C-alpha atoms as a PDB file:
ATOM      1  CA  MET A   1     103.307  78.013  32.709  1.00  0.00           C
ATOM      2  CA  PRO A   2     103.826  79.242  36.301  1.00  0.00           C
ATOM      3  CA  HIS A   3     103.187  76.939  39.200  1.00  0.00           C
ATOM      4  CA  LEU A   4      99.898  77.807  40.892  1.00  0.00           C
ATOM      5  CA  PRO A   5      99.751  77.253  44.642  1.00  0.00           C
ATOM      6  CA  THR A   6      97.546  74.293  45.475  1.00  0.00           C
ATOM      7  CA  SER A   7      97.760  73.756  49.209  1.00  0.00           C
ATOM      8  CA  ARG A   8      96.641  76.213  51.836  1.00  0.00           C
ATOM      9  CA  GLN A   9     100.221  76.635  53.037  1.00  0.00           C
ATOM     10  CA  GLU A  10     101.482  77.439  49.536  1.00  0.00           C
ATOM     11  CA  ARG A  11      98.695  80.004  49.075  1.00  0.00           C
ATOM     12  CA  LYS A  12      99.557  81.663  52.397  1.00  0.00           C
ATOM     13  CA  LYS A  13     103.225  81.789  51.449  1.00  0.00           C
ATOM     14  CA  ALA A  14     102.458  83.250  47.998  1.00  0.00           C
ATOM     15  CA  ASP A  15     100.104  85.814  49.561  1.00  0.00           C
ATOM     16  CA  LEU A  16     102.767  86.867  52.074  1.00  0.00           C
ATOM     17  CA  GLU A  17     105.317  87.250  49.295  1.00  0.00           C
ATOM     18  CA  ARG A  18     102.917  89.479  47.314  1.00  0.00           C
ATOM     19  CA  ARG A  19     102.206  91.637  50.370  1.00  0.00           C
ATOM     20  CA  VAL A  20     105.902  92.047  51.188  1.00  0.00           C
ATOM     21  CA  GLU A  21     106.653  92.929  47.572  1.00  0.00           C
ATOM     22  CA  ARG A  22     103.874  95.531  47.620  1.00  0.00           C
ATOM     23  CA  ILE A  23     105.127  97.054  50.899  1.00  0.00           C
ATOM     24  CA  GLN A  24     108.712  97.260  49.652  1.00  0.00           C
ATOM     25  CA  ARG A  25     107.688  99.007  46.404  1.00  0.00           C
ATOM     26  CA  ASP A  26     104.998 101.265  47.899  1.00  0.00           C
ATOM     27  CA  HIS A  27     105.475 105.018  47.426  1.00  0.00           C
ATOM     28  CA  THR A  28     102.096 106.104  48.789  1.00  0.00           C
ATOM     29  CA  PHE A  29     103.396 107.138  52.195  1.00  0.00           C
ATOM     30  CA  GLN A  30     106.726 108.539  51.030  1.00  0.00           C
ATOM     31  CA  TRP A  31     106.221 111.679  53.148  1.00  0.00           C
ATOM     32  CA  LEU A  32     106.336 109.434  56.258  1.00  0.00           C
ATOM     33  CA  ARG A  33     109.717 108.045  55.274  1.00  0.00           C
ATOM     34  CA  THR A  34     111.733 111.202  55.876  1.00  0.00           C
ATOM     35  CA  ARG A  35     114.075 111.071  58.841  1.00  0.00           C
ATOM     36  CA  LYS A  36     112.250 113.884  60.638  1.00  0.00           C
ATOM     37  CA  ALA A  37     108.804 112.292  60.151  1.00  0.00           C
ATOM     38  CA  ARG A  38     110.033 108.902  61.383  1.00  0.00           C
ATOM     39  CA  ARG A  39     111.634 110.454  64.467  1.00  0.00           C
ATOM     40  CA  VAL A  40     108.473 112.412  65.247  1.00  0.00           C
ATOM     41  CA  LEU A  41     106.463 109.197  64.883  1.00  0.00           C
ATOM     42  CA  ALA A  42     108.842 107.370  67.234  1.00  0.00           C
ATOM     43  CA  VAL A  43     108.514 110.068  69.907  1.00  0.00           C
ATOM     44  CA  VAL A  44     104.725 110.305  69.539  1.00  0.00           C
ATOM     45  CA  SER A  45     104.446 106.511  69.743  1.00  0.00           C
ATOM     46  CA  ALA A  46     106.535 106.415  72.920  1.00  0.00           C
ATOM     47  CA  LEU A  47     104.475 109.208  74.485  1.00  0.00           C
ATOM     48  CA  LEU A  48     101.225 107.454  73.593  1.00  0.00           C
ATOM     49  CA  CYS A  49     102.486 104.223  75.175  1.00  0.00           C
ATOM     50  CA  VAL A  50     103.284 106.094  78.358  1.00  0.00           C
ATOM     51  CA  ALA A  51      99.974 108.021  78.211  1.00  0.00           C
ATOM     52  CA  ILE A  52      97.946 104.810  78.286  1.00  0.00           C
ATOM     53  CA  ILE A  53      98.524 104.358  82.026  1.00  0.00           C
ATOM     54  CA  PRO A  54      97.339 107.799  83.238  1.00  0.00           C
ATOM     55  CA  SER A  55      94.504 107.850  80.693  1.00  0.00           C
ATOM     56  CA  PHE A  56      93.030 104.688  82.203  1.00  0.00           C
ATOM     57  CA  ALA A  57      93.706 105.907  85.753  1.00  0.00           C
ATOM     58  CA  GLN A  58      92.294 109.424  85.309  1.00  0.00           C
ATOM     59  CA  GLY A  59      89.867 109.136  82.410  1.00  0.00           C
ATOM     60  CA  GLY A  60      88.502 105.646  82.817  1.00  0.00           C
ATOM     61  CA  GLY A  61      88.020 102.871  80.312  1.00  0.00           C
ATOM     62  CA  VAL A  62      86.691 104.879  77.369  1.00  0.00           C
ATOM     63  CA  VAL A  63      89.518 107.424  77.415  1.00  0.00           C
ATOM     64  CA  GLY A  64      92.077 104.680  78.009  1.00  0.00           C
ATOM     65  CA  ILE A  65      90.799 102.632  75.076  1.00  0.00           C
ATOM     66  CA  ALA A  66      90.868 105.759  72.867  1.00  0.00           C
ATOM     67  CA  VAL A  67      94.512 106.422  73.769  1.00  0.00           C
ATOM     68  CA  THR A  68      95.312 102.728  73.222  1.00  0.00           C
ATOM     69  CA  ILE A  69      93.724 102.869  69.758  1.00  0.00           C
ATOM     70  CA  ALA A  70      95.735 106.023  68.988  1.00  0.00           C
ATOM     71  CA  ALA A  71      98.906 104.194  70.103  1.00  0.00           C
ATOM     72  CA  GLY A  72      97.967 101.256  67.871  1.00  0.00           C
ATOM     73  CA  CYS A  73      97.494 103.633  64.938  1.00  0.00           C
ATOM     74  CA  SER A  74     100.905 105.160  65.630  1.00  0.00           C
ATOM     75  CA  TRP A  75     102.370 101.639  65.648  1.00  0.00           C
ATOM     76  CA  TRP A  76     100.835 100.944  62.226  1.00  0.00           C
ATOM     77  CA  THR A  77     102.069 104.294  60.883  1.00  0.00           C
ATOM     78  CA  LEU A  78     105.557 103.669  62.236  1.00  0.00           C
ATOM     79  CA  ARG A  79     105.644 100.246  60.573  1.00  0.00           C
ATOM     80  CA  VAL A  80     104.581 101.798  57.259  1.00  0.00           C
ATOM     81  CA  SER A  81     107.260 104.479  57.559  1.00  0.00           C
ATOM     82  CA  THR A  82     109.995 101.869  58.075  1.00  0.00           C
ATOM     83  CA  ARG A  83     108.593  99.450  55.454  1.00  0.00           C
ATOM     84  CA  THR A  84     108.158  96.833  58.226  1.00  0.00           C
ATOM     85  CA  VAL A  85     111.867  95.980  58.108  1.00  0.00           C
ATOM     86  CA  ALA A  86     111.860  95.162  61.818  1.00  0.00           C
ATOM     87  CA  GLU A  87     109.056  92.591  61.470  1.00  0.00           C
ATOM     88  CA  LEU A  88     109.755  90.832  58.162  1.00  0.00           C
ATOM     89  CA  PRO A  89     111.067  87.270  58.017  1.00  0.00           C
ATOM     90  CA  GLU A  90     114.710  86.913  57.082  1.00  0.00           C
ATOM     91  CA  ARG A  91     114.049  85.483  53.614  1.00  0.00           C
ATOM     92  CA  PHE A  92     112.473  88.785  52.486  1.00  0.00           C
ATOM     93  CA  LEU A  93     115.376  90.983  53.562  1.00  0.00           C
ATOM     94  CA  ASP A  94     118.658  91.712  51.853  1.00  0.00           C
ATOM     95  CA  GLU A  95     121.921  91.751  53.814  1.00  0.00           C
ATOM     96  CA  ARG A  96     121.707  95.425  54.755  1.00  0.00           C
ATOM     97  CA  GLN A  97     118.096  95.104  55.928  1.00  0.00           C
ATOM     98  CA  ARG A  98     118.979  92.009  57.972  1.00  0.00           C
ATOM     99  CA  ALA A  99     121.757  93.942  59.685  1.00  0.00           C
ATOM    100  CA  VAL A 100     119.380  96.849  60.364  1.00  0.00           C
ATOM    101  CA  ARG A 101     116.762  94.498  61.788  1.00  0.00           C
ATOM    102  CA  ASN A 102     119.263  92.633  63.966  1.00  0.00           C
ATOM    103  CA  ARG A 103     120.687  95.905  65.302  1.00  0.00           C
ATOM    104  CA  ALA A 104     117.160  97.184  65.956  1.00  0.00           C
ATOM    105  CA  TYR A 105     116.262  94.113  68.009  1.00  0.00           C
ATOM    106  CA  PHE A 106     119.509  94.298  69.952  1.00  0.00           C
ATOM    107  CA  PHE A 107     118.974  97.942  70.912  1.00  0.00           C
ATOM    108  CA  ALA A 108     115.208  97.565  71.405  1.00  0.00           C
ATOM    109  CA  TYR A 109     115.588  94.868  74.001  1.00  0.00           C
ATOM    110  CA  LEU A 110     118.541  96.600  75.595  1.00  0.00           C
ATOM    111  CA  ILE A 111     116.302  99.668  75.998  1.00  0.00           C
ATOM    112  CA  LEU A 112     113.467  97.472  77.276  1.00  0.00           C
ATOM    113  CA  GLY A 113     115.787  95.960  79.873  1.00  0.00           C
ATOM    114  CA  TRP A 114     116.798  99.399  81.118  1.00  0.00           C
ATOM    115  CA  ILE A 115     113.146 100.520  81.266  1.00  0.00           C
ATOM    116  CA  VAL A 116     112.125  97.455  83.277  1.00  0.00           C
ATOM    117  CA  ALA A 117     115.110  97.844  85.609  1.00  0.00           C
ATOM    118  CA  ALA A 118     114.285 101.532  86.152  1.00  0.00           C
ATOM    119  CA  LEU A 119     110.612 100.764  86.837  1.00  0.00           C
ATOM    120  CA  LEU A 120     111.530  98.033  89.318  1.00  0.00           C
ATOM    121  CA  THR A 121     114.020 100.341  91.062  1.00  0.00           C
ATOM    122  CA  VAL A 122     111.505 103.187  91.312  1.00  0.00           C
ATOM    123  CA  GLY A 123     108.884 100.741  92.574  1.00  0.00           C
ATOM    124  CA  LEU A 124     111.232  99.377  95.218  1.00  0.00           C
ATOM    125  CA  VAL A 125     112.285 102.851  96.371  1.00  0.00           C
ATOM    126  CA  GLY A 126     108.643 103.931  96.481  1.00  0.00           C
ATOM    127  CA  PHE A 127     107.716 100.850  98.469  1.00  0.00           C
ATOM    128  CA  VAL A 128     110.515 101.462 100.988  1.00  0.00           C
ATOM    129  CA  LEU A 129     109.560 105.136 101.389  1.00  0.00           C
ATOM    130  CA  VAL A 130     105.857 104.372 101.871  1.00  0.00           C
ATOM    131  CA  SER A 131     106.217 101.453 104.233  1.00  0.00           C
ATOM    132  CA  GLU A 132     107.070 102.201 107.826  1.00  0.00           C
ATOM    133  CA  ASN A 133     106.706  98.567 108.639  1.00  0.00           C
ATOM    134  CA  ASP A 134     106.780  95.692 106.206  1.00  0.00           C
ATOM    135  CA  ALA A 135     102.992  95.318 106.156  1.00  0.00           C
ATOM    136  CA  VAL A 136     102.132  97.642 103.257  1.00  0.00           C
ATOM    137  CA  THR A 137      99.714  96.229 100.734  1.00  0.00           C
ATOM    138  CA  LEU A 138      99.392  97.244  97.126  1.00  0.00           C
ATOM    139  CA  THR A 139      95.898  97.563  95.739  1.00  0.00           C
ATOM    140  CA  THR A 140      95.201  97.913  92.052  1.00  0.00           C
ATOM    141  CA  THR A 141      92.073  98.217  89.994  1.00  0.00           C
ATOM    142  CA  TRP A 142      91.225  96.368  86.817  1.00  0.00           C
ATOM    143  CA  ASP A 143      91.797  99.568  84.788  1.00  0.00           C
ATOM    144  CA  GLN A 144      95.248 100.081  86.296  1.00  0.00           C
ATOM    145  CA  ALA A 145      96.353  96.504  85.635  1.00  0.00           C
ATOM    146  CA  LEU A 146      94.942  96.617  82.090  1.00  0.00           C
ATOM    147  CA  SER A 147      96.692  99.901  81.359  1.00  0.00           C
ATOM    148  CA  VAL A 148     100.083  98.574  82.474  1.00  0.00           C
ATOM    149  CA  VAL A 149      99.684  95.405  80.404  1.00  0.00           C
ATOM    150  CA  LEU A 150      98.534  97.331  77.299  1.00  0.00           C
ATOM    151  CA  SER A 151     101.272  99.909  77.670  1.00  0.00           C
ATOM    152  CA  LEU A 152     104.055  97.340  78.051  1.00  0.00           C
ATOM    153  CA  THR A 153     102.694  95.148  75.241  1.00  0.00           C
ATOM    154  CA  LEU A 154     102.576  98.066  72.818  1.00  0.00           C
ATOM    155  CA  LEU A 155     105.996  99.268  73.925  1.00  0.00           C
ATOM    156  CA  ILE A 156     107.510  95.824  73.347  1.00  0.00           C
ATOM    157  CA  SER A 157     106.024  95.622  69.855  1.00  0.00           C
ATOM    158  CA  LEU A 158     106.940  99.238  69.021  1.00  0.00           C
ATOM    159  CA  LEU A 159     110.561  99.300  70.148  1.00  0.00           C
ATOM    160  CA  PRO A 160     112.181  97.547  67.152  1.00  0.00           C
ATOM    161  CA  SER A 161     110.366  99.811  64.666  1.00  0.00           C
ATOM    162  CA  MET A 162     111.183 102.847  66.805  1.00  0.00           C
ATOM    163  CA  VAL A 163     114.891 101.985  66.726  1.00  0.00           C
ATOM    164  CA  VAL A 164     114.788 101.540  62.940  1.00  0.00           C
ATOM    165  CA  ALA A 165     112.858 104.797  62.539  1.00  0.00           C
ATOM    166  CA  TRP A 166     115.312 106.714  64.709  1.00  0.00           C
ATOM    167  CA  SER A 167     118.557 105.334  63.343  1.00  0.00           C
ATOM    168  CA  GLU A 168     118.033 104.881  59.600  1.00  0.00           C
ATOM    169  CA  PRO A 169     118.953 107.641  57.160  1.00  0.00           C
ATOM    170  CA  GLU A 170     116.370 109.178  54.873  1.00  0.00           C
ATOM    171  CA  GLU A 171     115.301 107.108  51.870  1.00  0.00           C
ATOM    172  CA  PRO A 172     116.428 108.401  48.504  1.00  0.00           C
ATOM    173  CA  ASN A 173     113.561 109.670  46.378  1.00  0.00           C
ATOM    174  CA  ALA A 174     112.536 107.165  43.763  1.00  0.00           C
END
């Protein structure tokens, strides 16, 4: 007779194992797992993350939230296309998947570092060009601050899946 989970923690662990098993065996979204589809998803996701900032600035809160929801949907779709390899705990991954995940995190945060460095450099150059004296003030609105935070948060969570989507070969048909 199999052991039935009794504590809340055991039930959560068993539920997670069932969900991971279902994701790894799922063939519903097989058309998303081609190399071309994953790369298109990665590019669209990156563009949507970038589009959040001007959508809040030019279109206001409703348009910005709509673009943010679209970026969230692209994040979900990207995770489905990569079978959530970048987000799964180590115990659910085989050796190859662990190596893929570790490489994805290495490159994702290397890319993030370069993006942040580029943004800081552009900001500094812009500040120097705008300021004739050192008394320039920067004013931001709530929508602008929210858009930057949402954009960076989504980009940080998307980057590992984007690296996996871009670099992995096409899955063999089952």
